[in-house]
Structure formats: structure tokens, C-alpha cells
């Protein structure tokens, strides 16, 4: 999507500002349908860092997620900074839906550029493993 959906950006901004991780969302991106719950970027970074820290082989990468760069835009005409509009969604307990399967089964952590989303719906699509 060359022009990110303004409503989706507002939903992402609300999740960021209220620090909620309960908003279920399903998105369509090139080649995949991904379903999960939106999380604030800081919480998403924290969870990814925890997973990486627990791995002997991936532990060095945890530092990249432990201190995410704050994205702050300065309001025009004033001295007080305000949060920049989100450019990415951060999903946790997320799954890629393929037919009647969802990968990974337990859910994962996905960062998706809002500009890449062609369609979306509120809700976590269910699937069956049969």
C-alpha cells in the first residue's frame, strides 16, 4: 500500500499510547495472511530480547532489541516533542495462516511495515490443525 491506511495508523498509535497488547488484528501482506495481537513497540522489543537472551547462539543480538531507538517527532510550532506516527505494526502471539495451518503453532513475534499491508480486519482469525 503506497498510502498507509490512516485508520490502521490510528489504531497502532492508540496501542502505543495506551500500552495495550490486547488488540487482535489480521493483516494481508504480499504472500501471507498474519493474525495476532498488536503490542506497543517497546513491549515487542522487550519480548524479542527475552527470547534472544535465552539462546546461547543468539544472545549477542538481544542488545539490539534491549534499547530500541526512540522515534520522536517534534511538534511544529512548539518545543514539546510528540510521538511520531507509527510506521510498523508489532504483533505478538502471531501466526502466518496457510490453508488450515498456522505457523508457528504457538505464535511468534512479527514486525510489519504498515505500508506493506494491503488489507486488514479487527480480530484474530481462528484456524484448525485437523
N, C-alpha and C. Protein backbone atom coordinates (compact mmCIF):
# COMPACT_ATOMS: atom_id res chain seq x y z
N UNK A 1 0.86 -1.16 0.00
CA UNK A 1 0.00 0.00 0.00
C UNK A 1 0.90 1.23 0.00
N UNK A 2 0.86 2.01 -1.06
CA UNK A 2 1.73 3.18 -1.13
C UNK A 2 1.29 4.27 -0.17
N UNK A 3 0.02 4.30 0.15
CA UNK A 3 -0.54 5.27 1.08
C UNK A 3 -1.08 4.51 2.28
N UNK A 4 -0.35 4.44 3.39
CA UNK A 4 -0.81 3.65 4.54
C UNK A 4 -2.21 4.07 4.99
N UNK A 5 -3.01 3.10 5.34
CA UNK A 5 -4.37 3.31 5.80
C UNK A 5 -4.35 4.15 7.08
N UNK A 6 -4.97 5.31 7.03
CA UNK A 6 -4.96 6.24 8.16
C UNK A 6 -5.62 5.64 9.40
N UNK A 7 -6.68 4.85 9.22
CA UNK A 7 -7.34 4.23 10.36
C UNK A 7 -6.43 3.21 11.03
N UNK A 8 -5.69 2.44 10.24
CA UNK A 8 -4.76 1.47 10.79
C UNK A 8 -3.63 2.16 11.55
N UNK A 9 -3.16 3.28 11.03
CA UNK A 9 -2.13 4.07 11.72
C UNK A 9 -2.69 4.57 13.06
N UNK A 10 -3.95 5.01 13.08
CA UNK A 10 -4.56 5.48 14.33
C UNK A 10 -4.71 4.35 15.35
N UNK A 11 -5.07 3.16 14.88
CA UNK A 11 -5.17 2.01 15.79
C UNK A 11 -3.80 1.71 16.39
N UNK A 12 -2.77 1.70 15.54
CA UNK A 12 -1.41 1.44 16.02
C UNK A 12 -0.98 2.51 17.02
N UNK A 13 -1.30 3.77 16.75
CA UNK A 13 -0.95 4.86 17.66
C UNK A 13 -1.66 4.71 19.00
N UNK A 14 -2.92 4.26 18.98
CA UNK A 14 -3.66 4.06 20.22
C UNK A 14 -3.04 2.93 21.04
N UNK A 15 -2.63 1.85 20.39
CA UNK A 15 -1.96 0.76 21.09
C UNK A 15 -0.68 1.27 21.72
N UNK A 16 0.07 2.08 20.99
CA UNK A 16 1.32 2.65 21.52
C UNK A 16 1.05 3.55 22.72
N UNK A 17 0.07 4.42 22.62
CA UNK A 17 -0.17 5.40 23.68
C UNK A 17 -0.78 4.79 24.93
N UNK A 18 -1.60 3.76 24.77
CA UNK A 18 -2.25 3.15 25.92
C UNK A 18 -1.49 1.92 26.40
N UNK A 19 -0.45 1.55 25.71
CA UNK A 19 0.38 0.39 26.06
C UNK A 19 -0.45 -0.87 26.22
N UNK A 20 -1.42 -1.04 25.32
CA UNK A 20 -2.27 -2.23 25.34
C UNK A 20 -1.68 -3.30 24.44
N UNK A 21 -1.84 -4.56 24.83
CA UNK A 21 -1.40 -5.64 23.97
C UNK A 21 -2.53 -6.64 23.76
N UNK A 22 -3.75 -6.13 23.76
CA UNK A 22 -4.92 -6.99 23.63
C UNK A 22 -5.68 -6.81 22.32
N UNK A 23 -5.27 -5.90 21.45
CA UNK A 23 -6.00 -5.63 20.22
C UNK A 23 -5.71 -6.71 19.18
N UNK A 24 -6.69 -7.57 18.86
CA UNK A 24 -6.46 -8.60 17.85
C UNK A 24 -6.58 -8.01 16.45
N UNK A 25 -5.69 -8.43 15.57
CA UNK A 25 -5.67 -7.89 14.22
C UNK A 25 -5.18 -8.96 13.25
N UNK A 26 -5.77 -8.97 12.07
CA UNK A 26 -5.32 -9.85 10.99
C UNK A 26 -5.01 -8.96 9.81
N UNK A 27 -3.82 -9.17 9.21
CA UNK A 27 -3.39 -8.35 8.08
C UNK A 27 -3.02 -9.23 6.89
N UNK A 28 -3.14 -8.65 5.72
CA UNK A 28 -2.72 -9.30 4.49
C UNK A 28 -1.53 -8.52 3.95
N UNK A 29 -0.43 -9.21 3.78
CA UNK A 29 0.79 -8.63 3.20
C UNK A 29 1.16 -9.48 2.00
N UNK A 30 2.04 -9.02 1.14
CA UNK A 30 2.40 -9.84 -0.02
C UNK A 30 2.83 -11.24 0.40
N UNK A 31 2.08 -12.23 -0.04
CA UNK A 31 2.44 -13.62 0.21
C UNK A 31 1.97 -14.21 1.51
N UNK A 32 1.25 -13.46 2.35
CA UNK A 32 0.87 -14.03 3.65
C UNK A 32 -0.33 -13.33 4.26
N UNK A 33 -1.04 -14.10 5.08
CA UNK A 33 -2.06 -13.57 5.98
C UNK A 33 -1.51 -13.82 7.37
N UNK A 34 -1.41 -12.77 8.18
CA UNK A 34 -0.84 -12.88 9.52
C UNK A 34 -1.88 -12.40 10.52
N UNK A 35 -2.08 -13.20 11.56
CA UNK A 35 -3.05 -12.87 12.58
C UNK A 35 -2.38 -12.90 13.95
N UNK A 36 -2.77 -12.00 14.82
CA UNK A 36 -2.17 -11.94 16.15
C UNK A 36 -2.71 -10.75 16.92
N UNK A 37 -1.97 -10.35 17.95
CA UNK A 37 -2.37 -9.20 18.76
C UNK A 37 -1.33 -8.11 18.65
N UNK A 38 -1.82 -6.88 18.50
CA UNK A 38 -0.92 -5.74 18.44
C UNK A 38 -0.29 -5.49 19.80
N UNK A 39 0.96 -5.12 19.78
CA UNK A 39 1.68 -4.79 21.01
C UNK A 39 2.40 -3.46 20.80
N UNK A 40 2.59 -2.70 21.86
CA UNK A 40 3.42 -1.50 21.75
C UNK A 40 4.84 -1.92 21.34
N UNK A 41 5.49 -1.07 20.58
CA UNK A 41 6.84 -1.39 20.10
C UNK A 41 7.79 -1.72 21.24
N UNK A 42 7.70 -0.98 22.35
CA UNK A 42 8.62 -1.22 23.46
C UNK A 42 8.42 -2.61 24.06
N UNK A 43 7.17 -3.04 24.20
CA UNK A 43 6.88 -4.37 24.72
C UNK A 43 7.36 -5.45 23.75
N UNK A 44 7.15 -5.21 22.47
CA UNK A 44 7.60 -6.15 21.44
C UNK A 44 9.12 -6.32 21.50
N UNK A 45 9.84 -5.19 21.59
CA UNK A 45 11.30 -5.25 21.70
C UNK A 45 11.72 -6.04 22.94
N UNK A 46 11.05 -5.78 24.06
CA UNK A 46 11.36 -6.46 25.31
C UNK A 46 11.20 -7.98 25.18
N UNK A 47 10.10 -8.41 24.57
CA UNK A 47 9.83 -9.84 24.41
C UNK A 47 10.84 -10.49 23.46
N UNK A 48 11.17 -9.83 22.37
CA UNK A 48 12.16 -10.38 21.44
C UNK A 48 13.51 -10.49 22.14
N UNK A 49 13.88 -9.48 22.91
CA UNK A 49 15.15 -9.51 23.65
C UNK A 49 15.18 -10.68 24.63
N UNK A 50 14.06 -10.96 25.29
CA UNK A 50 13.99 -12.10 26.22
C UNK A 50 14.25 -13.42 25.50
N UNK A 51 13.63 -13.59 24.35
CA UNK A 51 13.81 -14.83 23.58
C UNK A 51 15.27 -14.97 23.14
N UNK A 52 15.84 -13.89 22.64
CA UNK A 52 17.23 -13.94 22.17
C UNK A 52 18.20 -14.18 23.34
N UNK A 53 17.94 -13.57 24.47
CA UNK A 53 18.81 -13.74 25.64
C UNK A 53 18.83 -15.20 26.10
N UNK A 54 17.72 -15.89 25.94
CA UNK A 54 17.63 -17.28 26.38
C UNK A 54 18.40 -18.25 25.47
N UNK A 55 18.85 -17.79 24.33
CA UNK A 55 19.58 -18.63 23.39
C UNK A 55 21.08 -18.36 23.45
N UNK A 56 21.86 -19.42 23.64
CA UNK A 56 23.32 -19.25 23.68
C UNK A 56 23.85 -18.70 22.36
N UNK A 57 23.26 -19.11 21.25
CA UNK A 57 23.75 -18.69 19.94
C UNK A 57 23.28 -17.30 19.53
N UNK A 58 22.12 -16.89 20.03
CA UNK A 58 21.54 -15.61 19.60
C UNK A 58 21.66 -14.49 20.63
N UNK A 59 22.16 -14.81 21.80
CA UNK A 59 22.27 -13.85 22.90
C UNK A 59 22.91 -12.51 22.50
N UNK A 60 23.97 -12.50 21.66
CA UNK A 60 24.57 -11.21 21.29
C UNK A 60 23.60 -10.25 20.58
N UNK A 61 22.58 -10.80 19.92
CA UNK A 61 21.63 -9.95 19.20
C UNK A 61 20.61 -9.30 20.14
N UNK A 62 20.48 -9.81 21.34
CA UNK A 62 19.50 -9.27 22.29
C UNK A 62 19.72 -7.79 22.57
N UNK A 63 20.97 -7.36 22.57
CA UNK A 63 21.27 -5.95 22.84
C UNK A 63 20.61 -5.01 21.82
N UNK A 64 20.45 -5.48 20.60
CA UNK A 64 19.81 -4.65 19.57
C UNK A 64 18.35 -4.36 19.91
N UNK A 65 17.72 -5.26 20.65
CA UNK A 65 16.32 -5.12 20.99
C UNK A 65 16.11 -4.59 22.40
N UNK A 66 17.13 -4.64 23.23
CA UNK A 66 17.01 -4.19 24.61
C UNK A 66 16.88 -2.69 24.74
N UNK A 67 17.48 -1.95 23.82
CA UNK A 67 17.44 -0.49 23.87
C UNK A 67 16.98 0.07 22.53
N UNK A 68 15.69 -0.11 22.21
CA UNK A 68 15.24 0.39 20.91
C UNK A 68 15.37 1.91 20.83
N UNK A 69 15.71 2.39 19.67
CA UNK A 69 15.82 3.83 19.45
C UNK A 69 14.43 4.44 19.55
N UNK A 70 14.31 5.47 20.36
CA UNK A 70 13.02 6.15 20.49
C UNK A 70 12.78 6.99 19.24
N UNK A 71 11.60 6.81 18.67
CA UNK A 71 11.23 7.59 17.49
C UNK A 71 10.36 8.75 17.96
N UNK A 72 10.95 9.92 17.96
CA UNK A 72 10.23 11.09 18.45
C UNK A 72 10.26 12.17 17.38
N UNK A 73 9.09 12.71 17.11
CA UNK A 73 8.99 13.82 16.17
C UNK A 73 8.66 15.08 16.96
N UNK A 74 9.20 16.19 16.56
CA UNK A 74 8.92 17.44 17.25
C UNK A 74 7.71 18.12 16.63
N UNK A 75 6.81 18.51 17.48
CA UNK A 75 5.61 19.18 17.01
C UNK A 75 6.00 20.52 16.41
N UNK A 76 5.38 20.85 15.31
CA UNK A 76 5.70 22.13 14.68
C UNK A 76 5.10 23.25 15.51
N UNK A 77 5.87 24.29 15.67
CA UNK A 77 5.39 25.45 16.40
C UNK A 77 5.48 25.33 17.91
N UNK A 78 6.09 24.28 18.41
CA UNK A 78 6.18 24.14 19.86
C UNK A 78 7.47 23.44 20.25
N UNK A 79 7.79 23.50 21.51
CA UNK A 79 9.02 22.89 22.00
C UNK A 79 8.82 21.46 22.47
N UNK A 80 7.58 21.07 22.78
CA UNK A 80 7.34 19.73 23.33
C UNK A 80 7.33 18.68 22.22
N UNK A 81 8.11 17.61 22.39
CA UNK A 81 8.09 16.56 21.38
C UNK A 81 6.82 15.73 21.51
N UNK A 82 6.39 15.15 20.39
CA UNK A 82 5.26 14.22 20.42
C UNK A 82 5.68 12.96 19.69
N UNK A 83 5.03 11.89 19.98
CA UNK A 83 5.39 10.61 19.37
C UNK A 83 5.14 10.66 17.87
N UNK A 84 6.05 10.10 17.12
CA UNK A 84 5.89 10.01 15.67
C UNK A 84 4.77 9.02 15.36
N UNK A 85 4.14 9.19 14.22
CA UNK A 85 3.10 8.27 13.79
C UNK A 85 3.75 6.91 13.53
N UNK A 86 3.12 5.83 13.98
CA UNK A 86 3.70 4.50 13.76
C UNK A 86 3.85 4.19 12.27
N UNK A 87 4.94 3.54 11.93
CA UNK A 87 5.18 3.09 10.57
C UNK A 87 5.14 1.57 10.47
N UNK A 88 5.15 0.91 11.63
CA UNK A 88 5.15 -0.55 11.69
C UNK A 88 4.14 -1.03 12.73
N UNK A 89 3.61 -2.21 12.48
CA UNK A 89 2.81 -2.90 13.48
C UNK A 89 3.71 -3.91 14.16
N UNK A 90 3.48 -4.13 15.43
CA UNK A 90 4.24 -5.11 16.19
C UNK A 90 3.24 -6.12 16.75
N UNK A 91 3.29 -7.33 16.21
CA UNK A 91 2.35 -8.37 16.60
C UNK A 91 3.04 -9.41 17.47
N UNK A 92 2.33 -9.86 18.50
CA UNK A 92 2.82 -10.98 19.28
C UNK A 92 1.74 -12.06 19.26
N UNK A 93 2.08 -13.25 19.73
CA UNK A 93 1.24 -14.44 19.56
C UNK A 93 0.65 -14.46 18.15
N UNK A 94 1.49 -14.15 17.19
CA UNK A 94 1.07 -14.03 15.79
C UNK A 94 1.39 -15.30 15.02
N UNK A 95 0.54 -15.56 14.05
CA UNK A 95 0.72 -16.74 13.22
C UNK A 95 0.50 -16.40 11.76
N UNK A 96 1.27 -17.02 10.89
CA UNK A 96 1.06 -16.93 9.45
C UNK A 96 0.06 -18.02 9.10
N UNK A 97 -1.03 -17.65 8.46
CA UNK A 97 -2.05 -18.62 8.10
C UNK A 97 -1.78 -19.16 6.70
N UNK A 98 -1.73 -20.47 6.60
CA UNK A 98 -1.53 -21.16 5.32
C UNK A 98 -2.54 -22.29 5.25
N UNK A 99 -3.59 -22.10 4.47
CA UNK A 99 -4.64 -23.11 4.41
C UNK A 99 -5.25 -23.30 5.78
N UNK A 100 -5.27 -24.54 6.26
CA UNK A 100 -5.85 -24.81 7.57
C UNK A 100 -4.78 -24.85 8.66
N UNK A 101 -3.56 -24.42 8.34
CA UNK A 101 -2.46 -24.43 9.30
C UNK A 101 -2.05 -23.01 9.67
N UNK A 102 -1.48 -22.90 10.86
CA UNK A 102 -0.93 -21.63 11.31
C UNK A 102 0.49 -21.88 11.80
N UNK A 103 1.40 -21.03 11.36
CA UNK A 103 2.82 -21.18 11.70
C UNK A 103 3.33 -19.91 12.39
N UNK A 104 4.09 -19.97 13.44
CA UNK A 104 4.28 -21.17 14.26
C UNK A 104 3.02 -21.45 15.06
N UNK A 105 2.86 -22.69 15.46
CA UNK A 105 1.66 -23.11 16.17
C UNK A 105 1.45 -22.30 17.46
N UNK A 106 2.53 -22.00 18.15
CA UNK A 106 2.44 -21.28 19.42
C UNK A 106 2.39 -19.76 19.26
N UNK A 107 2.59 -19.28 18.06
CA UNK A 107 2.60 -17.84 17.83
C UNK A 107 4.00 -17.27 17.92
N UNK A 108 4.24 -16.22 17.19
CA UNK A 108 5.56 -15.61 17.17
C UNK A 108 5.46 -14.10 17.24
N UNK A 109 6.60 -13.46 17.04
CA UNK A 109 6.70 -12.01 17.10
C UNK A 109 6.98 -11.50 15.69
N UNK A 110 6.09 -10.65 15.17
CA UNK A 110 6.26 -10.12 13.82
C UNK A 110 6.23 -8.60 13.84
N UNK A 111 7.09 -8.01 13.03
CA UNK A 111 7.11 -6.56 12.81
C UNK A 111 6.76 -6.37 11.34
N UNK A 112 5.72 -5.62 11.07
CA UNK A 112 5.20 -5.48 9.72
C UNK A 112 5.09 -4.01 9.36
N UNK A 113 5.65 -3.63 8.22
CA UNK A 113 5.53 -2.24 7.75
C UNK A 113 4.07 -1.97 7.37
N UNK A 114 3.49 -0.94 7.94
CA UNK A 114 2.11 -0.59 7.64
C UNK A 114 1.94 -0.34 6.14
N UNK A 115 2.94 0.21 5.50
CA UNK A 115 2.86 0.49 4.06
C UNK A 115 2.74 -0.78 3.23
N UNK A 116 3.12 -1.94 3.79
CA UNK A 116 3.05 -3.20 3.05
C UNK A 116 1.71 -3.92 3.21
N UNK A 117 0.83 -3.40 4.04
CA UNK A 117 -0.44 -4.07 4.31
C UNK A 117 -1.46 -3.68 3.26
N UNK A 118 -2.00 -4.69 2.57
CA UNK A 118 -2.99 -4.40 1.53
C UNK A 118 -4.41 -4.43 2.06
N UNK A 119 -4.66 -5.21 3.11
CA UNK A 119 -5.98 -5.22 3.75
C UNK A 119 -5.83 -5.74 5.17
N UNK A 120 -6.85 -5.49 5.98
CA UNK A 120 -6.78 -5.90 7.38
C UNK A 120 -8.18 -5.98 7.96
N UNK A 121 -8.29 -6.67 9.08
CA UNK A 121 -9.54 -6.74 9.81
C UNK A 121 -9.24 -6.85 11.30
N UNK A 122 -10.14 -6.31 12.10
CA UNK A 122 -10.01 -6.44 13.54
C UNK A 122 -10.42 -7.87 13.88
N UNK A 123 -9.63 -8.51 14.68
CA UNK A 123 -9.93 -9.87 15.11
C UNK A 123 -8.78 -10.81 14.78
N UNK A 124 -8.73 -11.87 15.53
CA UNK A 124 -7.71 -12.90 15.38
C UNK A 124 -8.40 -14.06 14.67
N UNK A 125 -8.03 -14.32 13.42
CA UNK A 125 -8.67 -15.39 12.68
C UNK A 125 -8.35 -16.73 13.31
N UNK A 126 -9.36 -17.54 13.45
CA UNK A 126 -9.13 -18.87 14.00
C UNK A 126 -8.73 -19.81 12.88
N UNK A 127 -8.18 -20.91 13.25
CA UNK A 127 -7.73 -21.92 12.29
C UNK A 127 -7.90 -23.27 12.93
N UNK A 128 -7.72 -24.31 12.16
CA UNK A 128 -7.80 -25.66 12.69
C UNK A 128 -6.56 -26.44 12.30
N UNK A 129 -6.11 -27.30 13.19
CA UNK A 129 -4.93 -28.12 12.92
C UNK A 129 -5.33 -29.52 12.43
N UNK A 130 -6.54 -29.69 11.99
CA UNK A 130 -7.01 -31.01 11.56
C UNK A 130 -6.70 -31.28 10.11
